[in-house]
Each structure stands twice: as structure tokens, then as C-alpha cells.
Amino acid sequence: MDVFFLLVFLAFLFVMSIGGVLYWAVMSGQFEDSDQNASVILQDEDAASVPSDDKRGSSAPGVTSVKS
């Protein structure tokens, strides 16, 4: 019977710790605006991320750079 009370106490601590972590995640903003990250892949911002001059060093293999 002593083992039963120990297991109930440990289960209670486990559930309370999970609840505490979930509460912390919700209050710290972990679940705010989850749709934004899903739609980022659909936005076309490739032209903005390419540098205008060739200061990045060597290019990828098989890709030739054109200098004007």
C-alpha cells in the first residue's frame, strides 16, 4: 500500500510539472501567431535575399557568376 501512495504522489508531481511547462509556454508566447510561420514559405522574397554585388565569396559548384 505504501508503494501505491508513492506512485500516486509521483504521478501528481508529473502531471503538475507538465501543467507548469504548458502554462509557461502559453504565457511566454510560444503559441502566438502560429499561422505566420506556415505562410512564410509561400511568400516570394528570393530577390530581396540575393546580394547585389559578388561579396559572398565563391559561388556554388556548377553555377557561373556574371559580372557586369
Protein backbone atom coordinates (compact mmCIF):
# COMPACT_ATOMS: atom_id res chain seq x y z
CA MET A 1 0.00 0.00 0.00
CA ASP A 2 2.95 2.32 0.62
CA VAL A 3 4.07 1.86 -2.99
CA PHE A 4 0.61 2.88 -4.19
CA PHE A 5 0.79 6.19 -2.32
CA LEU A 6 4.28 6.79 -3.65
CA LEU A 7 3.13 6.19 -7.23
CA VAL A 8 0.09 8.46 -6.77
CA PHE A 9 2.36 11.19 -5.39
CA LEU A 10 4.85 10.80 -8.27
CA ALA A 11 2.03 10.83 -10.82
CA PHE A 12 0.67 14.01 -9.23
CA LEU A 13 4.10 15.65 -9.43
CA PHE A 14 4.47 14.56 -13.06
CA VAL A 15 1.07 15.99 -14.05
CA MET A 16 1.76 19.24 -12.19
CA SER A 17 5.14 19.65 -13.89
CA ILE A 18 3.58 19.08 -17.32
CA GLY A 19 0.89 21.62 -16.46
CA GLY A 20 3.55 24.10 -15.34
CA VAL A 21 5.51 23.73 -18.57
CA LEU A 22 2.34 24.14 -20.63
CA TYR A 23 1.36 27.23 -18.63
CA TRP A 24 4.83 28.72 -19.12
CA ALA A 25 4.71 28.03 -22.88
CA VAL A 26 1.32 29.69 -23.27
CA MET A 27 2.23 32.71 -21.15
CA SER A 28 5.60 33.25 -22.86
CA GLY A 29 4.01 33.47 -26.32
CA GLN A 30 5.09 30.14 -27.77
CA PHE A 31 1.70 29.63 -29.41
CA GLU A 32 1.15 33.16 -30.71
CA ASP A 33 0.52 33.56 -34.45
CA SER A 34 1.31 30.02 -35.49
CA ASP A 35 -0.19 30.64 -38.96
CA GLN A 36 2.53 33.15 -39.88
CA ASN A 37 5.27 30.52 -39.91
CA ALA A 38 3.15 28.29 -42.14
CA SER A 39 2.66 31.02 -44.73
CA VAL A 40 6.28 32.22 -44.86
CA ILE A 41 7.16 29.51 -47.36
CA LEU A 42 4.52 30.85 -49.76
CA GLN A 43 5.98 34.36 -49.87
CA ASP A 44 8.36 35.14 -52.73
CA GLU A 45 11.26 37.08 -51.24
CA ASP A 46 14.12 35.46 -53.16
CA ALA A 47 15.11 38.68 -54.95
CA ALA A 48 15.50 40.53 -51.65
CA SER A 49 17.84 37.92 -50.18
CA VAL A 50 20.31 37.84 -53.12
CA PRO A 51 23.18 40.33 -52.63
CA SER A 52 23.63 42.87 -55.41
CA ASP A 53 27.41 42.51 -55.67
CA ASP A 54 29.57 39.41 -55.54
CA LYS A 55 30.92 39.81 -51.97
CA ARG A 56 29.77 36.39 -50.80
CA GLY A 57 32.95 34.65 -51.94
CA SER A 58 32.84 31.56 -54.07
CA SER A 59 29.61 30.55 -55.68
CA ALA A 60 28.02 27.13 -55.60
CA PRO A 61 29.61 24.45 -57.78
CA GLY A 62 28.30 24.43 -61.30
CA VAL A 63 26.99 27.99 -61.10
CA THR A 64 28.73 30.67 -63.10
CA SER A 65 28.58 34.27 -61.94
CA VAL A 66 28.09 37.07 -64.42
CA LYS A 67 29.94 40.30 -63.66
CA SER A 68 28.88 43.49 -65.38
